[in-house]
Amino acid sequence: TTAKAFAKDVFINQERKLGARRRSDTVLVSTINDADQGSADVAFRTPLAPYEKSKFLGSGGSMVARLKLKGIDGRAPPGVEPAA
């Protein structure tokens, strides 16, 4: 779908535009809120690389907090073993 492709493109563009991190974080959050949840979640199916985690933590914590509220912070829920 268009929403799925757009969410994926925004996620890829965010990795490329490290200098525009704040602006791309805002776009990514609005995409998740406005798009169909089933297709928007595809951008978060893969675990974040260590530099991605530190980038999010360095952005004031707001992005991390929003992801945790949605339950898509990359960690397995309590009682669930992470995939090998």
Protein backbone atom coordinates (compact mmCIF):
# COMPACT_ATOMS: atom_id res chain seq x y z
CA THR A 1 0.00 0.00 0.00
CA THR A 2 0.97 3.63 -0.31
CA ALA A 3 1.07 4.04 3.49
CA LYS A 4 3.42 1.06 3.85
CA ALA A 5 5.78 2.34 1.15
CA PHE A 6 5.71 5.86 2.59
CA ALA A 7 6.46 4.64 6.12
CA LYS A 8 9.39 2.59 4.83
CA ASP A 9 10.73 5.52 2.78
CA VAL A 10 10.55 7.86 5.78
CA PHE A 11 12.43 5.34 7.92
CA ILE A 12 15.17 4.94 5.30
CA ASN A 13 15.42 8.69 4.75
CA GLN A 14 15.78 9.20 8.51
CA GLU A 15 18.88 7.00 8.54
CA ARG A 16 20.41 8.98 5.67
CA LYS A 17 19.66 12.46 7.01
CA LEU A 18 21.35 12.32 10.40
CA GLY A 19 21.85 16.09 10.28
CA ALA A 20 18.08 16.64 10.01
CA ARG A 21 17.28 14.18 12.79
CA ARG A 22 14.70 16.29 14.63
CA ARG A 23 12.70 17.04 11.49
CA SER A 24 12.70 13.42 10.25
CA ASP A 25 11.71 12.12 13.71
CA THR A 26 8.67 14.39 13.60
CA VAL A 27 7.72 13.15 10.14
CA LEU A 28 8.07 9.53 11.24
CA VAL A 29 5.85 10.05 14.29
CA SER A 30 3.15 11.76 12.24
CA THR A 31 3.28 8.95 9.67
CA ILE A 32 2.63 6.34 12.36
CA ASN A 33 -0.24 8.36 13.81
CA ASP A 34 -1.90 9.11 10.46
CA ALA A 35 -1.34 5.85 8.59
CA ASP A 36 -3.05 2.50 9.07
CA GLN A 37 -1.39 0.88 12.11
CA GLY A 38 -0.92 -2.48 10.39
CA SER A 39 1.13 -1.03 7.56
CA ALA A 40 2.98 1.65 9.54
CA ASP A 41 4.36 -0.90 12.00
CA VAL A 42 6.40 -2.53 9.23
CA ALA A 43 9.13 0.08 9.73
CA PHE A 44 9.75 -1.25 13.25
CA ARG A 45 9.78 -5.01 12.68
CA THR A 46 13.58 -5.21 12.63
CA PRO A 47 15.62 -4.51 15.80
CA LEU A 48 17.35 -1.16 15.89
CA ALA A 49 21.11 -1.14 15.46
CA PRO A 50 23.08 0.19 18.47
CA TYR A 51 23.73 3.54 16.77
CA GLU A 52 19.99 3.91 16.09
CA LYS A 53 19.20 3.33 19.78
CA SER A 54 21.75 5.92 20.88
CA LYS A 55 20.44 8.37 18.26
CA PHE A 56 16.90 8.07 19.62
CA LEU A 57 18.07 8.37 23.21
CA GLY A 58 20.02 11.48 22.25
CA SER A 59 16.99 13.22 20.77
CA GLY A 60 15.58 14.29 24.13
CA GLY A 61 13.81 11.00 24.81
CA SER A 62 10.52 12.08 23.24
CA MET A 63 10.82 9.65 20.34
CA VAL A 64 11.67 6.78 22.69
CA ALA A 65 8.74 7.66 24.94
CA ARG A 66 6.32 7.73 22.01
CA LEU A 67 7.57 4.38 20.73
CA LYS A 68 7.24 2.81 24.17
CA LEU A 69 3.69 4.12 24.50
CA LYS A 70 2.85 2.37 21.24
CA GLY A 71 4.65 -0.81 22.33
CA ILE A 72 7.06 -0.75 19.38
CA ASP A 73 10.33 0.12 21.09
CA GLY A 74 12.10 -2.93 19.65
CA ARG A 75 12.11 -4.98 22.85
CA ALA A 76 10.15 -8.17 23.40
CA PRO A 77 7.14 -7.90 25.75
CA PRO A 78 7.59 -9.34 29.26
CA GLY A 79 7.63 -13.16 29.22
CA VAL A 80 8.51 -13.39 25.52
CA GLU A 81 11.90 -14.69 24.42
CA PRO A 82 13.56 -12.50 21.75
CA ALA A 83 14.29 -14.19 18.42
CA ALA A 84 17.83 -15.54 18.02
